Amino acid sequence: QKEDWPMHKLECSAMCAFGQNWNPSETVRLTARILAKQKTHPERTQSEKLLGVKEFESHLDKLDNEKRELIQNDIAALHHFYSKHLEYPDNAALVVLFAQVNCNGFTIEDEELSHLGSAIFPDVALMNHSCCPNVIVTYKGTLAEVRAVKEIEPGEEVFTSYIDLLYPTEDRNDRLRDSYFFNCDCRECMTKEKDKEKLEIRKLNDPPSAETVRDMIKYARNVIEEFRRAKHYKYILCLPLTPLACELLEICELSLDKMGAVFEDSNVYMLHMMYQAMGVCLYVQDWEGALRYGQKIIRPYSKHYPSYSLNVASMWLKLGRLYMALENRTAGVKALKRAIAIMEVAHGKDHPYISEIKKELEDH
């Protein structure tokens, strides 16, 4: 608390005053901290050796009305929750800062890819995106670490990935355009060589028509968006075994039944809903249900994701912990060792997460 006081004092009195009504978004909290840091450190900080926050790209000219309105809502929340200890620039400067944070922020996740928070790492933000990345960014406390996952020749550009790489080319570029305002022109996006496997159609005596497949893809995208909204607005508030958790699981199962008439289980839209169903099962502590979904997910994940993917490592880790909880030690040890093999490359052999997992193996 003492170490963080220069930052936490921004929030502490407001948290006490607002009580349960203290609810600024992560983006608002992060932006408040940036403003405070810029006030106390007018010179460049340790994390701005190559790129300063003020030099971030904002893409202000590309923001549509909806995005501009969301930024104005964030500015209103900033004024509402932080008025006592913060000095504000004018509204135009705040619009630019929020746009910069939205384009350059990092999502911090734990070893199972559960959300922990948001941050900015200016020098790390210099890296461009590729759907065939040659580095992975992981986190150790408040430090971002960048590790190569492929051989990188002198003079070759260093690429990370800004998005989840599970999805086919069109979906990935929709996401990149919406959040970062560009199309990717990496080899993967130019050749689309993985798309057919990612969108694998069930082998039937009477194959579905192209129109049926198109309609099912449209349905899959809609149900994914609907589920995302349901989780965002309600799921975080519900307790285990409430009707809402059952409702979310039912959405997953119904959509899997419907999509399964056309798609193979290895199709990425099927995998997405299985992953959501697994998450609900974990939430309500249905370990057997979670394990069943995880077992279906892991092999296609290993095929669809790049080498040393954190998504694959986290799935092996979840499976290992589930096997251990259900007293299948042999399968648990095997799965946890698979997770460690990927994480030693992505996180580095000395990362605390790896020490924790090795301790779990010893304790069992």
Foldseek 3Di string as FASTA:
>chain_A
DVVCCLLCVQQVVLCVVCPVNPDQDLLLSQLQSVQSCCVVPVDADPLDPPHGLVRADLVVVVDDPVRLVVLVVSVVSNCVRRVPPGDDDDPVVSSSSSSRCLQAKDFAADLLRDTDGIHGRGVVSVAAADLQFQWFWHDAVPDIDIFGPDDDDVPRGGHDHPDDSLAFQVVSQVVCCVRHNDHHDHPCNVVSVCHCQQFDWDDDPDADDPVVSVVLVVVLVVLLVVLVVLCVPPVVPDAAPDVSLVVSLVSLVVNLVVSVVIGDCLHSSNLSSLCSNLVSCVRNVVLVSNLVSLVSNQPSCVVRGHQLDSNNLSSLQSNLVSCVVVPVNVSNVVSLVVSLVSCCRRVNNPGVVSVVSVVVNVVD
